[in-house]
Amino acid sequence: MKIAIPVNEDSMNTTICISFGRTPYFLIYDTETKDAKFLSNHAAASQGGAGIKAAQMIIDNQAEALLTPRCGENAADVFKAAGIKIYQTKDDRLDDTIQAFEKGELSLLNEIHPGFHNHGGK
């Protein structure tokens, strides 16, 4: 299964980014093959709609799940329409988060925030 995770650097030694739409990079990780691909998040520089653009990038890369600390409602709606489940990370450690997901220890993200529409904030 391919999962997507917002991360601060393009390295497996990085931490998970608190901001989904404005994260610098996304890790696309295949839990079966252990292949890791880092994508630069070009949506981060957007005036508005960063979450929606970032969500489309995840969909375009065939991820089946998103692991993130939080997610805005517009991006969450895009994921819901695409059938992609959103799981809440427990901390900012990448390795621990991947292992927790593989063991079925992460819960679905139930608290979706309204987003930072046109604020450019993190």
PDB file of N, CA and C in Angstrom:
ATOM      1  N   MET A   1       0.844  -1.178   0.000  1.00  0.00           N
ATOM      2  CA  MET A   1       0.000   0.000   0.000  1.00  0.00           C
ATOM      3  C   MET A   1       0.888   1.238   0.000  1.00  0.00           C
ATOM      4  N   LYS A   2       0.527   2.212  -0.814  1.00  0.00           N
ATOM      5  CA  LYS A   2       1.252   3.479  -0.826  1.00  0.00           C
ATOM      6  C   LYS A   2       0.610   4.443   0.161  1.00  0.00           C
ATOM      7  N   ILE A   3       1.478   5.016   1.013  1.00  0.00           N
ATOM      8  CA  ILE A   3       1.014   6.009   1.974  1.00  0.00           C
ATOM      9  C   ILE A   3       1.750   7.317   1.727  1.00  0.00           C
ATOM     10  N   ALA A   4       1.117   8.422   2.091  1.00  0.00           N
ATOM     11  CA  ALA A   4       1.726   9.743   1.947  1.00  0.00           C
ATOM     12  C   ALA A   4       1.858  10.370   3.328  1.00  0.00           C
ATOM     13  N   ILE A   5       2.987  11.061   3.540  1.00  0.00           N
ATOM     14  CA  ILE A   5       3.255  11.702   4.825  1.00  0.00           C
ATOM     15  C   ILE A   5       3.903  13.064   4.557  1.00  0.00           C
ATOM     16  N   PRO A   6       3.377  14.148   5.156  1.00  0.00           N
ATOM     17  CA  PRO A   6       4.046  15.450   5.016  1.00  0.00           C
ATOM     18  C   PRO A   6       5.309  15.478   5.882  1.00  0.00           C
ATOM     19  N   VAL A   7       6.446  15.826   5.271  1.00  0.00           N
ATOM     20  CA  VAL A   7       7.716  15.813   6.001  1.00  0.00           C
ATOM     21  C   VAL A   7       8.493  17.110   5.783  1.00  0.00           C
ATOM     22  N   ASN A   8       9.431  17.366   6.680  1.00  0.00           N
ATOM     23  CA  ASN A   8      10.188  18.615   6.657  1.00  0.00           C
ATOM     24  C   ASN A   8      11.396  18.610   5.725  1.00  0.00           C
ATOM     25  N   GLU A   9      11.935  17.421   5.425  1.00  0.00           N
ATOM     26  CA  GLU A   9      13.104  17.306   4.549  1.00  0.00           C
ATOM     27  C   GLU A   9      12.944  16.079   3.663  1.00  0.00           C
ATOM     28  N   ASP A  10      13.720  16.026   2.588  1.00  0.00           N
ATOM     29  CA  ASP A  10      13.649  14.879   1.679  1.00  0.00           C
ATOM     30  C   ASP A  10      14.658  13.806   2.097  1.00  0.00           C
ATOM     31  N   SER A  11      14.420  13.266   3.300  1.00  0.00           N
ATOM     32  CA  SER A  11      15.293  12.258   3.886  1.00  0.00           C
ATOM     33  C   SER A  11      14.469  11.380   4.825  1.00  0.00           C
ATOM     34  N   MET A  12      14.822  10.115   4.921  1.00  0.00           N
ATOM     35  CA  MET A  12      14.134   9.220   5.854  1.00  0.00           C
ATOM     36  C   MET A  12      14.463   9.569   7.306  1.00  0.00           C
ATOM     37  N   ASN A  13      15.434  10.439   7.527  1.00  0.00           N
ATOM     38  CA  ASN A  13      15.790  10.870   8.877  1.00  0.00           C
ATOM     39  C   ASN A  13      15.067  12.145   9.295  1.00  0.00           C
ATOM     40  N   THR A  14      14.111  12.579   8.525  1.00  0.00           N
ATOM     41  CA  THR A  14      13.398  13.822   8.790  1.00  0.00           C
ATOM     42  C   THR A  14      12.282  13.621   9.811  1.00  0.00           C
ATOM     43  N   THR A  15      11.600  14.708  10.118  1.00  0.00           N
ATOM     44  CA  THR A  15      10.442  14.661  10.995  1.00  0.00           C
ATOM     45  C   THR A  15       9.186  14.967  10.199  1.00  0.00           C
ATOM     46  N   ILE A  16       8.045  14.623  10.766  1.00  0.00           N
ATOM     47  CA  ILE A  16       6.760  14.880  10.128  1.00  0.00           C
ATOM     48  C   ILE A  16       6.402  16.347  10.311  1.00  0.00           C
ATOM     49  N   CYS A  17       5.916  16.965   9.250  1.00  0.00           N
ATOM     50  CA  CYS A  17       5.541  18.376   9.278  1.00  0.00           C
ATOM     51  C   CYS A  17       4.127  18.520   9.843  1.00  0.00           C
ATOM     52  N   ILE A  18       3.922  19.511  10.689  1.00  0.00           N
ATOM     53  CA  ILE A  18       2.625  19.762  11.307  1.00  0.00           C
ATOM     54  C   ILE A  18       1.606  20.269  10.289  1.00  0.00           C
ATOM     55  N   SER A  19       2.073  20.907   9.227  1.00  0.00           N
ATOM     56  CA  SER A  19       1.177  21.508   8.234  1.00  0.00           C
ATOM     57  C   SER A  19       1.086  20.636   6.988  1.00  0.00           C
ATOM     58  N   PHE A  20      -0.111  20.164   6.673  1.00  0.00           N
ATOM     59  CA  PHE A  20      -0.278  19.327   5.484  1.00  0.00           C
ATOM     60  C   PHE A  20      -0.066  20.123   4.197  1.00  0.00           C
ATOM     61  N   GLY A  21      -0.858  21.151   3.976  1.00  0.00           N
ATOM     62  CA  GLY A  21      -0.821  21.879   2.705  1.00  0.00           C
ATOM     63  C   GLY A  21       0.439  22.663   2.466  1.00  0.00           C
ATOM     64  N   ARG A  22       1.107  23.067   3.530  1.00  0.00           N
ATOM     65  CA  ARG A  22       2.304  23.905   3.404  1.00  0.00           C
ATOM     66  C   ARG A  22       3.592  23.160   3.752  1.00  0.00           C
ATOM     67  N   THR A  23       3.511  21.840   3.831  1.00  0.00           N
ATOM     68  CA  THR A  23       4.707  21.050   4.097  1.00  0.00           C
ATOM     69  C   THR A  23       5.717  21.229   2.963  1.00  0.00           C
ATOM     70  N   PRO A  24       7.010  21.217   3.267  1.00  0.00           N
ATOM     71  CA  PRO A  24       7.994  21.338   2.183  1.00  0.00           C
ATOM     72  C   PRO A  24       8.025  20.118   1.252  1.00  0.00           C
ATOM     73  N   TYR A  25       7.810  18.938   1.804  1.00  0.00           N
ATOM     74  CA  TYR A  25       7.895  17.692   1.021  1.00  0.00           C
ATOM     75  C   TYR A  25       6.811  16.705   1.445  1.00  0.00           C
ATOM     76  N   PHE A  26       6.542  15.785   0.553  1.00  0.00           N
ATOM     77  CA  PHE A  26       5.716  14.625   0.872  1.00  0.00           C
ATOM     78  C   PHE A  26       6.552  13.383   0.642  1.00  0.00           C
ATOM     79  N   LEU A  27       6.449  12.451   1.565  1.00  0.00           N
ATOM     80  CA  LEU A  27       7.023  11.122   1.366  1.00  0.00           C
ATOM     81  C   LEU A  27       5.913  10.225   0.850  1.00  0.00           C
ATOM     82  N   ILE A  28       6.156   9.579  -0.271  1.00  0.00           N
ATOM     83  CA  ILE A  28       5.271   8.526  -0.769  1.00  0.00           C
ATOM     84  C   ILE A  28       6.011   7.228  -0.477  1.00  0.00           C
ATOM     85  N   TYR A  29       5.443   6.437   0.417  1.00  0.00           N
ATOM     86  CA  TYR A  29       6.117   5.233   0.903  1.00  0.00           C
ATOM     87  C   TYR A  29       5.263   4.014   0.606  1.00  0.00           C
ATOM     88  N   ASP A  30       5.870   3.012   0.019  1.00  0.00           N
ATOM     89  CA  ASP A  30       5.177   1.767  -0.294  1.00  0.00           C
ATOM     90  C   ASP A  30       5.457   0.773   0.831  1.00  0.00           C
ATOM     91  N   THR A  31       4.429   0.423   1.584  1.00  0.00           N
ATOM     92  CA  THR A  31       4.610  -0.450   2.746  1.00  0.00           C
ATOM     93  C   THR A  31       4.983  -1.883   2.345  1.00  0.00           C
ATOM     94  N   GLU A  32       4.721  -2.258   1.109  1.00  0.00           N
ATOM     95  CA  GLU A  32       5.052  -3.616   0.667  1.00  0.00           C
ATOM     96  C   GLU A  32       6.480  -3.709   0.139  1.00  0.00           C
ATOM     97  N   THR A  33       6.885  -2.760  -0.708  1.00  0.00           N
ATOM     98  CA  THR A  33       8.220  -2.814  -1.313  1.00  0.00           C
ATOM     99  C   THR A  33       9.252  -2.017  -0.526  1.00  0.00           C
ATOM    100  N   LYS A  34       8.786  -1.170   0.410  1.00  0.00           N
ATOM    101  CA  LYS A  34       9.636  -0.284   1.213  1.00  0.00           C
ATOM    102  C   LYS A  34      10.282   0.821   0.373  1.00  0.00           C
ATOM    103  N   ASP A  35       9.789   1.028  -0.848  1.00  0.00           N
ATOM    104  CA  ASP A  35      10.281   2.113  -1.694  1.00  0.00           C
ATOM    105  C   ASP A  35       9.813   3.448  -1.140  1.00  0.00           C
ATOM    106  N   ALA A  36      10.717   4.429  -1.145  1.00  0.00           N
ATOM    107  CA  ALA A  36      10.403   5.763  -0.652  1.00  0.00           C
ATOM    108  C   ALA A  36      10.700   6.786  -1.750  1.00  0.00           C
ATOM    109  N   LYS A  37       9.743   7.676  -1.974  1.00  0.00           N
ATOM    110  CA  LYS A  37       9.910   8.738  -2.969  1.00  0.00           C
ATOM    111  C   LYS A  37       9.509  10.047  -2.312  1.00  0.00           C
ATOM    112  N   PHE A  38      10.351  11.063  -2.455  1.00  0.00           N
ATOM    113  CA  PHE A  38      10.055  12.377  -1.891  1.00  0.00           C
ATOM    114  C   PHE A  38       9.622  13.326  -2.999  1.00  0.00           C
ATOM    115  N   LEU A  39       8.539  14.037  -2.743  1.00  0.00           N
ATOM    116  CA  LEU A  39       8.016  15.005  -3.692  1.00  0.00           C
ATOM    117  C   LEU A  39       8.123  16.397  -3.088  1.00  0.00           C
ATOM    118  N   SER A  40       8.630  17.332  -3.859  1.00  0.00           N
ATOM    119  CA  SER A  40       8.640  18.722  -3.422  1.00  0.00           C
ATOM    120  C   SER A  40       7.207  19.250  -3.524  1.00  0.00           C
ATOM    121  N   ASN A  41       6.734  19.895  -2.467  1.00  0.00           N
ATOM    122  CA  ASN A  41       5.362  20.395  -2.442  1.00  0.00           C
ATOM    123  C   ASN A  41       5.299  21.797  -3.032  1.00  0.00           C
ATOM    124  N   HIS A  42       5.024  21.880  -4.314  1.00  0.00           N
ATOM    125  CA  HIS A  42       4.942  23.169  -4.992  1.00  0.00           C
ATOM    126  C   HIS A  42       3.719  23.957  -4.548  1.00  0.00           C
ATOM    127  N   ALA A  43       2.747  23.303  -3.953  1.00  0.00           N
ATOM    128  CA  ALA A  43       1.538  23.983  -3.470  1.00  0.00           C
ATOM    129  C   ALA A  43       1.829  24.859  -2.257  1.00  0.00           C
ATOM    130  N   ALA A  44       2.933  24.605  -1.566  1.00  0.00           N
ATOM    131  CA  ALA A  44       3.260  25.348  -0.344  1.00  0.00           C
ATOM    132  C   ALA A  44       3.379  26.851  -0.592  1.00  0.00           C
ATOM    133  N   ALA A  45       3.765  27.247  -1.787  1.00  0.00           N
ATOM    134  CA  ALA A  45       3.949  28.664  -2.104  1.00  0.00           C
ATOM    135  C   ALA A  45       2.671  29.318  -2.626  1.00  0.00           C
ATOM    136  N   SER A  46       1.592  28.585  -2.706  1.00  0.00           N
ATOM    137  CA  SER A  46       0.333  29.114  -3.244  1.00  0.00           C
ATOM    138  C   SER A  46      -0.244  30.185  -2.330  1.00  0.00           C
ATOM    139  N   GLN A  47      -0.873  31.185  -2.935  1.00  0.00           N
ATOM    140  CA  GLN A  47      -1.561  32.218  -2.160  1.00  0.00           C
ATOM    141  C   GLN A  47      -2.723  31.607  -1.383  1.00  0.00           C
ATOM    142  N   GLY A  48      -3.423  30.697  -2.001  1.00  0.00           N
ATOM    143  CA  GLY A  48      -4.550  30.022  -1.372  1.00  0.00           C
ATOM    144  C   GLY A  48      -4.737  28.668  -2.010  1.00  0.00           C
ATOM    145  N   GLY A  49      -5.502  27.824  -1.360  1.00  0.00           N
ATOM    146  CA  GLY A  49      -5.799  26.512  -1.911  1.00  0.00           C
ATOM    147  C   GLY A  49      -4.655  25.527  -1.843  1.00  0.00           C
ATOM    148  N   ALA A  50      -3.685  25.773  -0.953  1.00  0.00           N
ATOM    149  CA  ALA A  50      -2.527  24.879  -0.868  1.00  0.00           C
ATOM    150  C   ALA A  50      -2.946  23.453  -0.512  1.00  0.00           C
ATOM    151  N   GLY A  51      -3.896  23.316   0.406  1.00  0.00           N
ATOM    152  CA  GLY A  51      -4.328  21.983   0.817  1.00  0.00           C
ATOM    153  C   GLY A  51      -4.954  21.195  -0.318  1.00  0.00           C
ATOM    154  N   ILE A  52      -5.786  21.866  -1.110  1.00  0.00           N
ATOM    155  CA  ILE A  52      -6.435  21.190  -2.240  1.00  0.00           C
ATOM    156  C   ILE A  52      -5.398  20.766  -3.271  1.00  0.00           C
ATOM    157  N   LYS A  53      -4.458  21.663  -3.580  1.00  0.00           N
ATOM    158  CA  LYS A  53      -3.412  21.344  -4.557  1.00  0.00           C
ATOM    159  C   LYS A  53      -2.516  20.217  -4.045  1.00  0.00           C
ATOM    160  N   ALA A  54      -2.183  20.263  -2.758  1.00  0.00           N
ATOM    161  CA  ALA A  54      -1.352  19.212  -2.173  1.00  0.00           C
ATOM    162  C   ALA A  54      -2.089  17.872  -2.186  1.00  0.00           C
ATOM    163  N   ALA A  55      -3.382  17.902  -1.886  1.00  0.00           N
ATOM    164  CA  ALA A  55      -4.187  16.675  -1.902  1.00  0.00           C
ATOM    165  C   ALA A  55      -4.194  16.062  -3.300  1.00  0.00           C
ATOM    166  N   GLN A  56      -4.311  16.904  -4.318  1.00  0.00           N
ATOM    167  CA  GLN A  56      -4.314  16.390  -5.691  1.00  0.00           C
ATOM    168  C   GLN A  56      -2.971  15.749  -6.035  1.00  0.00           C
ATOM    169  N   MET A  57      -1.880  16.306  -5.515  1.00  0.00           N
ATOM    170  CA  MET A  57      -0.556  15.722  -5.738  1.00  0.00           C
ATOM    171  C   MET A  57      -0.485  14.316  -5.138  1.00  0.00           C
ATOM    172  N   ILE A  58      -1.063  14.150  -3.953  1.00  0.00           N
ATOM    173  CA  ILE A  58      -1.080  12.837  -3.297  1.00  0.00           C
ATOM    174  C   ILE A  58      -1.892  11.846  -4.131  1.00  0.00           C
ATOM    175  N   ILE A  59      -3.046  12.294  -4.605  1.00  0.00           N
ATOM    176  CA  ILE A  59      -3.896  11.439  -5.440  1.00  0.00           C
ATOM    177  C   ILE A  59      -3.176  11.051  -6.727  1.00  0.00           C
ATOM    178  N   ASP A  60      -2.527  12.030  -7.361  1.00  0.00           N
ATOM    179  CA  ASP A  60      -1.808  11.776  -8.617  1.00  0.00           C
ATOM    180  C   ASP A  60      -0.684  10.768  -8.454  1.00  0.00           C
ATOM    181  N   ASN A  61      -0.168  10.627  -7.235  1.00  0.00           N
ATOM    182  CA  ASN A  61       0.903   9.667  -6.972  1.00  0.00           C
ATOM    183  C   ASN A  61       0.388   8.350  -6.396  1.00  0.00           C
ATOM    184  N   GLN A  62      -0.914   8.113  -6.548  1.00  0.00           N
ATOM    185  CA  GLN A  62      -1.582   6.851  -6.202  1.00  0.00           C
ATOM    186  C   GLN A  62      -1.444   6.426  -4.747  1.00  0.00           C
ATOM    187  N   ALA A  63      -1.330   7.389  -3.834  1.00  0.00           N
ATOM    188  CA  ALA A  63      -1.323   7.025  -2.417  1.00  0.00           C
ATOM    189  C   ALA A  63      -2.727   6.572  -2.022  1.00  0.00           C
ATOM    190  N   GLU A  64      -2.783   5.600  -1.135  1.00  0.00           N
ATOM    191  CA  GLU A  64      -4.065   5.064  -0.687  1.00  0.00           C
ATOM    192  C   GLU A  64      -4.434   5.533   0.710  1.00  0.00           C
ATOM    193  N   ALA A  65      -3.462   6.169   1.396  1.00  0.00           N
ATOM    194  CA  ALA A  65      -3.711   6.683   2.743  1.00  0.00           C
ATOM    195  C   ALA A  65      -2.778   7.863   2.991  1.00  0.00           C
ATOM    196  N   LEU A  66      -3.239   8.774   3.843  1.00  0.00           N
ATOM    197  CA  LEU A  66      -2.441   9.914   4.277  1.00  0.00           C
ATOM    198  C   LEU A  66      -2.237   9.798   5.775  1.00  0.00           C
ATOM    199  N   LEU A  67      -0.990   9.979   6.236  1.00  0.00           N
ATOM    200  CA  LEU A  67      -0.668   9.999   7.657  1.00  0.00           C
ATOM    201  C   LEU A  67      -0.220  11.415   7.974  1.00  0.00           C
ATOM    202  N   THR A  68      -0.964  12.129   8.813  1.00  0.00           N
ATOM    203  CA  THR A  68      -0.687  13.537   9.064  1.00  0.00           C
ATOM    204  C   THR A  68      -1.176  13.944  10.454  1.00  0.00           C
ATOM    205  N   PRO A  69      -0.541  14.972  11.050  1.00  0.00           N
ATOM    206  CA  PRO A  69      -1.018  15.437  12.351  1.00  0.00           C
ATOM    207  C   PRO A  69      -2.365  16.140  12.254  1.00  0.00           C
ATOM    208  N   ARG A  70      -2.605  16.840  11.146  1.00  0.00           N
ATOM    209  CA  ARG A  70      -3.864  17.564  10.969  1.00  0.00           C
ATOM    210  C   ARG A  70      -4.106  17.797   9.480  1.00  0.00           C
ATOM    211  N   CYS A  71      -5.360  18.149   9.165  1.00  0.00           N
ATOM    212  CA  CYS A  71      -5.744  18.349   7.768  1.00  0.00           C
ATOM    213  C   CYS A  71      -6.919  19.317   7.726  1.00  0.00           C
ATOM    214  N   GLY A  72      -6.890  20.215   6.759  1.00  0.00           N
ATOM    215  CA  GLY A  72      -7.976  21.165   6.576  1.00  0.00           C
ATOM    216  C   GLY A  72      -9.169  20.543   5.882  1.00  0.00           C
ATOM    217  N   GLU A  73     -10.319  21.174   6.045  1.00  0.00           N
ATOM    218  CA  GLU A  73     -11.556  20.589   5.527  1.00  0.00           C
ATOM    219  C   GLU A  73     -11.589  20.484   4.003  1.00  0.00           C
ATOM    220  N   ASN A  74     -11.032  21.443   3.274  1.00  0.00           N
ATOM    221  CA  ASN A  74     -11.075  21.365   1.814  1.00  0.00           C
ATOM    222  C   ASN A  74     -10.246  20.196   1.302  1.00  0.00           C
ATOM    223  N   ALA A  75      -9.043  20.031   1.861  1.00  0.00           N
ATOM    224  CA  ALA A  75      -8.207  18.893   1.471  1.00  0.00           C
ATOM    225  C   ALA A  75      -8.866  17.581   1.889  1.00  0.00           C
ATOM    226  N   ALA A  76      -9.448  17.557   3.087  1.00  0.00           N
ATOM    227  CA  ALA A  76     -10.116  16.339   3.565  1.00  0.00           C
ATOM    228  C   ALA A  76     -11.263  15.949   2.644  1.00  0.00           C
ATOM    229  N   ASP A  77     -11.984  16.943   2.134  1.00  0.00           N
ATOM    230  CA  ASP A  77     -13.074  16.654   1.192  1.00  0.00           C
ATOM    231  C   ASP A  77     -12.549  16.028  -0.095  1.00  0.00           C
ATOM    232  N   VAL A  78     -11.389  16.500  -0.566  1.00  0.00           N
ATOM    233  CA  VAL A  78     -10.772  15.934  -1.770  1.00  0.00           C
ATOM    234  C   VAL A  78     -10.384  14.485  -1.524  1.00  0.00           C
ATOM    235  N   PHE A  79      -9.779  14.223  -0.361  1.00  0.00           N
ATOM    236  CA  PHE A  79      -9.390  12.848  -0.039  1.00  0.00           C
ATOM    237  C   PHE A  79     -10.605  11.941   0.098  1.00  0.00           C
ATOM    238  N   LYS A  80     -11.643  12.439   0.724  1.00  0.00           N
ATOM    239  CA  LYS A  80     -12.859  11.639   0.901  1.00  0.00           C
ATOM    240  C   LYS A  80     -13.446  11.261  -0.459  1.00  0.00           C
ATOM    241  N   ALA A  81     -13.494  12.224  -1.374  1.00  0.00           N
ATOM    242  CA  ALA A  81     -14.027  11.957  -2.718  1.00  0.00           C
ATOM    243  C   ALA A  81     -13.189  10.922  -3.467  1.00  0.00           C
ATOM    244  N   ALA A  82     -11.892  10.893  -3.182  1.00  0.00           N
ATOM    245  CA  ALA A  82     -10.992   9.951  -3.851  1.00  0.00           C
ATOM    246  C   ALA A  82     -10.897   8.607  -3.121  1.00  0.00           C
ATOM    247  N   GLY A  83     -11.547   8.488  -1.971  1.00  0.00           N
ATOM    248  CA  GLY A  83     -11.502   7.236  -1.222  1.00  0.00           C
ATOM    249  C   GLY A  83     -10.210   7.018  -0.464  1.00  0.00           C
ATOM    250  N   ILE A  84      -9.489   8.094  -0.171  1.00  0.00           N
ATOM    251  CA  ILE A  84      -8.227   8.001   0.564  1.00  0.00           C
ATOM    252  C   ILE A  84      -8.496   8.266   2.040  1.00  0.00           C
ATOM    253  N   LYS A  85      -8.061   7.351   2.894  1.00  0.00           N
ATOM    254  CA  LYS A  85      -8.263   7.501   4.331  1.00  0.00           C
ATOM    255  C   LYS A  85      -7.153   8.357   4.932  1.00  0.00           C
ATOM    256  N   ILE A  86      -7.516   9.146   5.941  1.00  0.00           N
ATOM    257  CA  ILE A  86      -6.574  10.024   6.625  1.00  0.00           C
ATOM    258  C   ILE A  86      -6.379   9.505   8.050  1.00  0.00           C
ATOM    259  N   TYR A  87      -5.128   9.204   8.382  1.00  0.00           N
ATOM    260  CA  TYR A  87      -4.780   8.711   9.716  1.00  0.00           C
ATOM    261  C   TYR A  87      -4.005   9.781  10.469  1.00  0.00           C
ATOM    262  N   GLN A  88      -4.240   9.858  11.763  1.00  0.00           N
ATOM    263  CA  GLN A  88      -3.561  10.853  12.588  1.00  0.00           C
ATOM    264  C   GLN A  88      -2.255  10.292  13.134  1.00  0.00           C
ATOM    265  N   THR A  89      -1.180  11.044  12.939  1.00  0.00           N
ATOM    266  CA  THR A  89       0.110  10.655  13.493  1.00  0.00           C
ATOM    267  C   THR A  89       0.112  10.899  14.996  1.00  0.00           C
ATOM    268  N   LYS A  90       0.949  10.164  15.703  1.00  0.00           N
ATOM    269  CA  LYS A  90       1.022  10.295  17.162  1.00  0.00           C
ATOM    270  C   LYS A  90       2.108  11.271  17.587  1.00  0.00           C
ATOM    271  N   ASP A  91       3.187  11.352  16.821  1.00  0.00           N
ATOM    272  CA  ASP A  91       4.286  12.258  17.119  1.00  0.00           C
ATOM    273  C   ASP A  91       4.960  12.640  15.808  1.00  0.00           C
ATOM    274  N   ASP A  92       6.134  13.263  15.877  1.00  0.00           N
ATOM    275  CA  ASP A  92       6.771  13.728  14.645  1.00  0.00           C
ATOM    276  C   ASP A  92       7.869  12.801  14.129  1.00  0.00           C
ATOM    277  N   ARG A  93       7.987  11.611  14.691  1.00  0.00           N
ATOM    278  CA  ARG A  93       9.031  10.676  14.255  1.00  0.00           C
ATOM    279  C   ARG A  93       8.538   9.828  13.082  1.00  0.00           C
ATOM    280  N   LEU A  94       9.228   9.941  11.970  1.00  0.00           N
ATOM    281  CA  LEU A  94       8.816   9.273  10.738  1.00  0.00           C
ATOM    282  C   LEU A  94       8.833   7.751  10.863  1.00  0.00           C
ATOM    283  N   ASP A  95       9.942   7.188  11.307  1.00  0.00           N
ATOM    284  CA  ASP A  95      10.047   5.723  11.412  1.00  0.00           C
ATOM    285  C   ASP A  95       8.972   5.143  12.319  1.00  0.00           C
ATOM    286  N   ASP A  96       8.779   5.781  13.481  1.00  0.00           N
ATOM    287  CA  ASP A  96       7.767   5.297  14.425  1.00  0.00           C
ATOM    288  C   ASP A  96       6.370   5.363  13.823  1.00  0.00           C
ATOM    289  N   THR A  97       6.111   6.402  13.061  1.00  0.00           N
ATOM    290  CA  THR A  97       4.789   6.579  12.451  1.00  0.00           C
ATOM    291  C   THR A  97       4.524   5.503  11.404  1.00  0.00           C
ATOM    292  N   ILE A  98       5.506   5.233  10.571  1.00  0.00           N
ATOM    293  CA  ILE A  98       5.342   4.179   9.554  1.00  0.00           C
ATOM    294  C   ILE A  98       5.108   2.833  10.230  1.00  0.00           C
ATOM    295  N   GLN A  99       5.899   2.530  11.261  1.00  0.00           N
ATOM    296  CA  GLN A  99       5.731   1.257  11.975  1.00  0.00           C
ATOM    297  C   GLN A  99       4.366   1.169  12.643  1.00  0.00           C
ATOM    298  N   ALA A 100       3.918   2.277  13.257  1.00  0.00           N
ATOM    299  CA  ALA A 100       2.605   2.284  13.910  1.00  0.00           C
ATOM    300  C   ALA A 100       1.497   2.042  12.887  1.00  0.00           C
ATOM    301  N   PHE A 101       1.627   2.625  11.703  1.00  0.00           N
ATOM    302  CA  PHE A 101       0.624   2.406  10.649  1.00  0.00           C
ATOM    303  C   PHE A 101       0.617   0.945  10.228  1.00  0.00           C
ATOM    304  N   GLU A 102       1.788   0.389  10.001  1.00  0.00           N
ATOM    305  CA  GLU A 102       1.881  -1.004   9.563  1.00  0.00           C
ATOM    306  C   GLU A 102       1.320  -1.977  10.598  1.00  0.00           C
ATOM    307  N   LYS A 103       1.387  -1.615  11.871  1.00  0.00           N
ATOM    308  CA  LYS A 103       0.847  -2.459  12.946  1.00  0.00           C
ATOM    309  C   LYS A 103      -0.628  -2.178  13.210  1.00  0.00           C
ATOM    310  N   GLY A 104      -1.210  -1.208  12.481  1.00  0.00           N
ATOM    311  CA  GLY A 104      -2.616  -0.876  12.679  1.00  0.00           C
ATOM    312  C   GLY A 104      -2.882  -0.064  13.934  1.00  0.00           C
ATOM    313  N   GLU A 105      -1.876   0.672  14.393  1.00  0.00           N
ATOM    314  CA  GLU A 105      -1.984   1.408  15.645  1.00  0.00           C
ATOM    315  C   GLU A 105      -2.425   2.870  15.481  1.00  0.00           C
ATOM    316  N   LEU A 106      -2.548   3.364  14.259  1.00  0.00           N
ATOM    317  CA  LEU A 106      -2.964   4.752  14.054  1.00  0.00           C
ATOM    318  C   LEU A 106      -4.480   4.830  13.879  1.00  0.00           C
ATOM    319  N   SER A 107      -5.064   5.858  14.465  1.00  0.00           N
ATOM    320  CA  SER A 107      -6.512   6.078  14.347  1.00  0.00           C
ATOM    321  C   SER A 107      -6.808   6.988  13.163  1.00  0.00           C
ATOM    322  N   LEU A 108      -8.014   6.867  12.646  1.00  0.00           N
ATOM    323  CA  LEU A 108      -8.434   7.793  11.600  1.00  0.00           C
ATOM    324  C   LEU A 108      -8.487   9.202  12.192  1.00  0.00           C
ATOM    325  N   LEU A 109      -8.127  10.181  11.385  1.00  0.00           N
ATOM    326  CA  LEU A 109      -8.167  11.576  11.812  1.00  0.00           C
ATOM    327  C   LEU A 109      -9.620  12.033  11.795  1.00  0.00           C
ATOM    328  N   ASN A 110     -10.144  12.333  12.965  1.00  0.00           N
ATOM    329  CA  ASN A 110     -11.554  12.725  13.076  1.00  0.00           C
ATOM    330  C   ASN A 110     -11.749  14.223  13.204  1.00  0.00           C
ATOM    331  N   GLU A 111     -10.733  14.926  13.689  1.00  0.00           N
ATOM    332  CA  GLU A 111     -10.850  16.367  13.864  1.00  0.00           C
ATOM    333  C   GLU A 111     -10.237  17.082  12.663  1.00  0.00           C
ATOM    334  N   ILE A 112     -11.092  17.536  11.779  1.00  0.00           N
ATOM    335  CA  ILE A 112     -10.656  18.268  10.588  1.00  0.00           C
ATOM    336  C   ILE A 112     -10.829  19.753  10.884  1.00  0.00           C
ATOM    337  N   HIS A 113      -9.763  20.534  10.705  1.00  0.00           N
ATOM    338  CA  HIS A 113      -9.868  21.959  11.009  1.00  0.00           C
ATOM    339  C   HIS A 113     -10.364  22.733   9.793  1.00  0.00           C
ATOM    340  N   PRO A 114     -10.880  23.941  10.001  1.00  0.00           N
ATOM    341  CA  PRO A 114     -11.451  24.718   8.897  1.00  0.00           C
ATOM    342  C   PRO A 114     -10.432  25.153   7.850  1.00  0.00           C
ATOM    343  N   GLY A 115      -9.164  25.071   8.144  1.00  0.00           N
ATOM    344  CA  GLY A 115      -8.137  25.492   7.185  1.00  0.00           C
ATOM    345  C   GLY A 115      -7.735  26.935   7.421  1.00  0.00           C
ATOM    346  N   PHE A 116      -6.757  27.369   6.667  1.00  0.00           N
ATOM    347  CA  PHE A 116      -6.245  28.729   6.801  1.00  0.00           C
ATOM    348  C   PHE A 116      -6.493  29.474   5.493  1.00  0.00           C
ATOM    349  N   HIS A 117      -7.687  29.428   5.024  1.00  0.00           N
ATOM    350  CA  HIS A 117      -8.070  29.963   3.725  1.00  0.00           C
ATOM    351  C   HIS A 117      -7.515  31.363   3.483  1.00  0.00           C
ATOM    352  N   ASN A 118      -6.629  31.448   2.480  1.00  0.00           N
ATOM    353  CA  ASN A 118      -6.030  32.700   2.018  1.00  0.00           C
ATOM    354  C   ASN A 118      -5.222  33.417   3.087  1.00  0.00           C
ATOM    355  N   HIS A 119      -4.774  32.707   4.096  1.00  0.00           N
ATOM    356  CA  HIS A 119      -3.978  33.335   5.135  1.00  0.00           C
ATOM    357  C   HIS A 119      -2.497  33.035   4.961  1.00  0.00           C
ATOM    358  N   GLY A 120      -2.165  32.016   4.201  1.00  0.00           N
ATOM    359  CA  GLY A 120      -0.773  31.658   3.984  1.00  0.00           C
ATOM    360  C   GLY A 120      -0.065  31.222   5.254  1.00  0.00           C
ATOM    361  N   GLY A 121      -0.816  30.916   6.298  1.00  0.00           N
ATOM    362  CA  GLY A 121      -0.219  30.547   7.586  1.00  0.00           C
ATOM    363  C   GLY A 121       0.072  29.072   7.693  1.00  0.00           C
ATOM    364  N   LYS A 122       0.742  28.739   8.776  1.00  0.00           N
ATOM    365  CA  LYS A 122       1.059  27.340   9.037  1.00  0.00           C
ATOM    366  C   LYS A 122       0.412  26.903  10.312  1.00  0.00           C
TER     367      LYS A 122
END
